[in-house]
Structure formats: structure tokens, C-alpha cells
Amino acid sequence: MIALALLIALGAFALLALASDRHQHRWDGIDIAWRRRGGLALVALTFVTAFAAWGPVYGAIGGFGLLMLGAGASFLALNLTQR
């Protein structure tokens, strides 16, 4: 369940990063508004899976940690591969 929450967090921030002005040209598949909505929905789903994995107290802490890890990995990957 923790690995699933991590994958969801990575997907959330990948969508949010691809909706930003700097990286929106990399993927023309989905409209920018839908990328943002999908990213925010995946952020909420990350918290749901983190709460399911760790419970109410550690789920909040783990959810924020997974979101920070997902944000860092997504933005690092996009910025290091920029042309």
C-alpha cells in the first residue's frame, strides 16, 4: 500500500509539473486544465492511501513525506532532462 501511495504521488506531481508553464510543451496529449485537476485528484488519493497504509496519525506524516518525495523526484527528472 505504501508503494502504491508513492506511485500515486509521483504521478500527481508529474501531472502538475507537466501543467506548468515551463514544461507544458513536453506532452500535448491532455489539456492543461485536466492535467491540473488530475494532479490534484491524485494528491488527494495519495493521502487516502497513506491513511489506509499507516493509520490516522502516521498516515498524515507519511502522506506529506510521500508528496515531498514525489514532488522532488518529478521536478528533478523534468529539469535534468530539459533541452
N, C-alpha and C. Protein backbone atom coordinates (compact mmCIF):
# COMPACT_ATOMS: atom_id res chain seq x y z
N MET A 1 0.83 -1.19 0.00
CA MET A 1 0.00 0.00 0.00
C MET A 1 0.88 1.26 0.00
N ILE A 2 2.02 1.20 0.68
CA ILE A 2 2.93 2.34 0.71
C ILE A 2 3.53 2.58 -0.67
N ALA A 3 3.89 1.50 -1.35
CA ALA A 3 4.44 1.64 -2.71
C ALA A 3 3.39 2.23 -3.66
N LEU A 4 2.15 1.84 -3.48
CA LEU A 4 1.08 2.40 -4.30
C LEU A 4 0.91 3.89 -4.03
N ALA A 5 0.99 4.28 -2.77
CA ALA A 5 0.90 5.71 -2.43
C ALA A 5 2.06 6.49 -3.03
N LEU A 6 3.25 5.90 -3.05
CA LEU A 6 4.40 6.56 -3.66
C LEU A 6 4.21 6.73 -5.16
N LEU A 7 3.72 5.70 -5.82
CA LEU A 7 3.48 5.80 -7.26
C LEU A 7 2.41 6.84 -7.58
N ILE A 8 1.39 6.92 -6.75
CA ILE A 8 0.34 7.92 -6.95
C ILE A 8 0.91 9.32 -6.75
N ALA A 9 1.77 9.50 -5.74
CA ALA A 9 2.39 10.81 -5.50
C ALA A 9 3.29 11.20 -6.67
N LEU A 10 4.03 10.24 -7.21
CA LEU A 10 4.87 10.53 -8.38
C LEU A 10 4.02 10.94 -9.58
N GLY A 11 2.93 10.24 -9.80
CA GLY A 11 2.03 10.58 -10.89
C GLY A 11 1.37 11.93 -10.69
N ALA A 12 1.02 12.25 -9.44
CA ALA A 12 0.38 13.53 -9.16
C ALA A 12 1.29 14.69 -9.53
N PHE A 13 2.53 14.62 -9.09
CA PHE A 13 3.41 15.74 -9.37
C PHE A 13 3.96 15.72 -10.78
N ALA A 14 3.94 14.57 -11.42
CA ALA A 14 4.29 14.56 -12.84
C ALA A 14 3.22 15.30 -13.63
N LEU A 15 1.96 15.06 -13.31
CA LEU A 15 0.87 15.79 -13.99
C LEU A 15 0.90 17.27 -13.67
N LEU A 16 1.13 17.62 -12.40
CA LEU A 16 1.18 19.03 -12.04
C LEU A 16 2.37 19.73 -12.68
N ALA A 17 3.49 19.04 -12.78
CA ALA A 17 4.66 19.64 -13.43
C ALA A 17 4.43 19.82 -14.92
N LEU A 18 3.78 18.84 -15.54
CA LEU A 18 3.51 18.95 -16.97
C LEU A 18 2.41 19.98 -17.27
N ALA A 19 1.73 20.45 -16.25
CA ALA A 19 0.74 21.51 -16.43
C ALA A 19 1.36 22.89 -16.22
N SER A 20 2.59 22.95 -15.75
CA SER A 20 3.23 24.24 -15.51
C SER A 20 3.65 24.89 -16.83
N ASP A 21 3.87 26.18 -16.78
CA ASP A 21 4.24 26.92 -17.99
C ASP A 21 5.57 26.45 -18.57
N ARG A 22 6.46 26.05 -17.71
CA ARG A 22 7.80 25.67 -18.16
C ARG A 22 7.83 24.32 -18.87
N HIS A 23 6.98 23.39 -18.47
CA HIS A 23 7.05 22.03 -19.00
C HIS A 23 5.82 21.61 -19.80
N GLN A 24 4.88 22.50 -20.05
CA GLN A 24 3.64 22.10 -20.72
C GLN A 24 3.86 21.68 -22.17
N HIS A 25 4.95 22.09 -22.78
CA HIS A 25 5.21 21.74 -24.17
C HIS A 25 5.68 20.30 -24.36
N ARG A 26 5.99 19.61 -23.28
CA ARG A 26 6.52 18.25 -23.38
C ARG A 26 5.48 17.20 -23.70
N TRP A 27 4.23 17.49 -23.41
CA TRP A 27 3.18 16.49 -23.62
C TRP A 27 1.92 17.19 -24.10
N ASP A 28 1.50 16.87 -25.29
CA ASP A 28 0.33 17.52 -25.88
C ASP A 28 -0.92 16.64 -25.79
N GLY A 29 -0.88 15.56 -25.04
CA GLY A 29 -1.97 14.61 -25.02
C GLY A 29 -3.24 15.10 -24.34
N ILE A 30 -3.11 15.75 -23.20
CA ILE A 30 -4.27 16.16 -22.41
C ILE A 30 -4.20 17.68 -22.20
N ASP A 31 -5.35 18.32 -22.14
CA ASP A 31 -5.43 19.76 -21.90
C ASP A 31 -4.83 20.09 -20.53
N ILE A 32 -4.28 21.29 -20.41
CA ILE A 32 -3.59 21.70 -19.19
C ILE A 32 -4.53 21.71 -17.99
N ALA A 33 -5.75 22.14 -18.17
CA ALA A 33 -6.70 22.17 -17.05
C ALA A 33 -6.97 20.76 -16.53
N TRP A 34 -7.05 19.78 -17.43
CA TRP A 34 -7.27 18.40 -16.99
C TRP A 34 -6.05 17.83 -16.31
N ARG A 35 -4.86 18.25 -16.70
CA ARG A 35 -3.64 17.81 -16.01
C ARG A 35 -3.63 18.30 -14.58
N ARG A 36 -4.02 19.57 -14.40
CA ARG A 36 -4.06 20.12 -13.04
C ARG A 36 -5.11 19.42 -12.19
N ARG A 37 -6.29 19.21 -12.74
CA ARG A 37 -7.35 18.53 -11.99
C ARG A 37 -6.95 17.10 -11.64
N GLY A 38 -6.35 16.42 -12.61
CA GLY A 38 -5.89 15.06 -12.36
C GLY A 38 -4.79 15.00 -11.32
N GLY A 39 -3.88 15.96 -11.38
CA GLY A 39 -2.80 16.01 -10.39
C GLY A 39 -3.33 16.26 -8.99
N LEU A 40 -4.28 17.18 -8.86
CA LEU A 40 -4.85 17.46 -7.55
C LEU A 40 -5.68 16.28 -7.03
N ALA A 41 -6.36 15.59 -7.92
CA ALA A 41 -7.10 14.39 -7.50
C ALA A 41 -6.13 13.31 -7.02
N LEU A 42 -4.99 13.18 -7.69
CA LEU A 42 -4.00 12.19 -7.26
C LEU A 42 -3.34 12.58 -5.94
N VAL A 43 -3.21 13.88 -5.68
CA VAL A 43 -2.69 14.32 -4.38
C VAL A 43 -3.64 13.87 -3.28
N ALA A 44 -4.93 14.06 -3.49
CA ALA A 44 -5.92 13.62 -2.50
C ALA A 44 -5.90 12.09 -2.35
N LEU A 45 -5.74 11.38 -3.46
CA LEU A 45 -5.68 9.93 -3.40
C LEU A 45 -4.42 9.44 -2.68
N THR A 46 -3.34 10.21 -2.76
CA THR A 46 -2.13 9.87 -2.02
C THR A 46 -2.41 9.87 -0.52
N PHE A 47 -3.15 10.87 -0.05
CA PHE A 47 -3.48 10.92 1.36
C PHE A 47 -4.40 9.76 1.76
N VAL A 48 -5.33 9.42 0.91
CA VAL A 48 -6.24 8.31 1.22
C VAL A 48 -5.45 7.01 1.36
N THR A 49 -4.53 6.74 0.43
CA THR A 49 -3.76 5.50 0.51
C THR A 49 -2.75 5.54 1.66
N ALA A 50 -2.21 6.72 1.97
CA ALA A 50 -1.29 6.82 3.11
C ALA A 50 -2.04 6.57 4.41
N PHE A 51 -3.24 7.10 4.53
CA PHE A 51 -4.05 6.84 5.73
C PHE A 51 -4.41 5.37 5.83
N ALA A 52 -4.68 4.74 4.69
CA ALA A 52 -5.01 3.32 4.71
C ALA A 52 -3.80 2.47 5.08
N ALA A 53 -2.61 2.92 4.71
CA ALA A 53 -1.41 2.15 4.99
C ALA A 53 -0.91 2.33 6.42
N TRP A 54 -0.93 3.58 6.92
CA TRP A 54 -0.30 3.86 8.21
C TRP A 54 -1.27 4.23 9.32
N GLY A 55 -2.50 4.47 9.02
CA GLY A 55 -3.44 4.88 10.05
C GLY A 55 -3.57 6.39 10.11
N PRO A 56 -4.37 6.88 11.06
CA PRO A 56 -4.69 8.31 11.08
C PRO A 56 -3.54 9.23 11.47
N VAL A 57 -2.67 8.80 12.38
CA VAL A 57 -1.59 9.69 12.84
C VAL A 57 -0.42 9.65 11.89
N TYR A 58 0.13 8.47 11.66
CA TYR A 58 1.29 8.35 10.79
C TYR A 58 0.93 8.49 9.32
N GLY A 59 -0.33 8.32 8.99
CA GLY A 59 -0.77 8.49 7.61
C GLY A 59 -0.60 9.92 7.12
N ALA A 60 -0.90 10.88 7.99
CA ALA A 60 -0.72 12.29 7.61
C ALA A 60 0.75 12.61 7.42
N ILE A 61 1.58 12.13 8.34
CA ILE A 61 3.02 12.37 8.24
C ILE A 61 3.59 11.67 7.01
N GLY A 62 3.22 10.42 6.82
CA GLY A 62 3.70 9.68 5.67
C GLY A 62 3.18 10.23 4.36
N GLY A 63 1.94 10.71 4.35
CA GLY A 63 1.38 11.30 3.14
C GLY A 63 2.14 12.54 2.71
N PHE A 64 2.43 13.41 3.67
CA PHE A 64 3.21 14.60 3.33
C PHE A 64 4.62 14.23 2.88
N GLY A 65 5.21 13.24 3.52
CA GLY A 65 6.55 12.80 3.12
C GLY A 65 6.56 12.23 1.71
N LEU A 66 5.57 11.41 1.40
CA LEU A 66 5.48 10.85 0.05
C LEU A 66 5.23 11.94 -1.00
N LEU A 67 4.42 12.93 -0.65
CA LEU A 67 4.19 14.03 -1.58
C LEU A 67 5.46 14.84 -1.81
N MET A 68 6.24 15.06 -0.76
CA MET A 68 7.50 15.78 -0.93
C MET A 68 8.49 14.98 -1.78
N LEU A 69 8.54 13.68 -1.55
CA LEU A 69 9.41 12.82 -2.36
C LEU A 69 8.95 12.80 -3.81
N GLY A 70 7.65 12.70 -4.03
CA GLY A 70 7.12 12.71 -5.39
C GLY A 70 7.38 14.03 -6.10
N ALA A 71 7.23 15.13 -5.38
CA ALA A 71 7.48 16.44 -5.98
C ALA A 71 8.94 16.59 -6.35
N GLY A 72 9.81 16.22 -5.44
CA GLY A 72 11.24 16.34 -5.71
C GLY A 72 11.69 15.48 -6.87
N ALA A 73 11.22 14.25 -6.91
CA ALA A 73 11.62 13.34 -7.99
C ALA A 73 11.08 13.80 -9.34
N SER A 74 9.84 14.24 -9.37
CA SER A 74 9.24 14.68 -10.63
C SER A 74 9.92 15.93 -11.18
N PHE A 75 10.10 16.93 -10.33
CA PHE A 75 10.70 18.15 -10.82
C PHE A 75 12.18 17.97 -11.13
N LEU A 76 12.88 17.12 -10.38
CA LEU A 76 14.27 16.83 -10.72
C LEU A 76 14.37 16.14 -12.07
N ALA A 77 13.52 15.17 -12.29
CA ALA A 77 13.55 14.44 -13.57
C ALA A 77 13.23 15.36 -14.74
N LEU A 78 12.27 16.24 -14.57
CA LEU A 78 11.91 17.15 -15.66
C LEU A 78 12.99 18.21 -15.89
N ASN A 79 13.59 18.71 -14.83
CA ASN A 79 14.60 19.77 -15.00
C ASN A 79 15.94 19.22 -15.47
N LEU A 80 16.27 18.01 -15.11
CA LEU A 80 17.55 17.44 -15.55
C LEU A 80 17.50 16.96 -17.00
N THR A 81 16.31 16.73 -17.52
CA THR A 81 16.18 16.28 -18.91
C THR A 81 15.72 17.39 -19.83
N GLN A 82 15.76 18.63 -19.35
CA GLN A 82 15.32 19.75 -20.19
C GLN A 82 16.34 20.02 -21.28
N ARG A 83 15.83 20.40 -22.45
CA ARG A 83 16.72 20.69 -23.57
C ARG A 83 17.41 22.00 -23.43
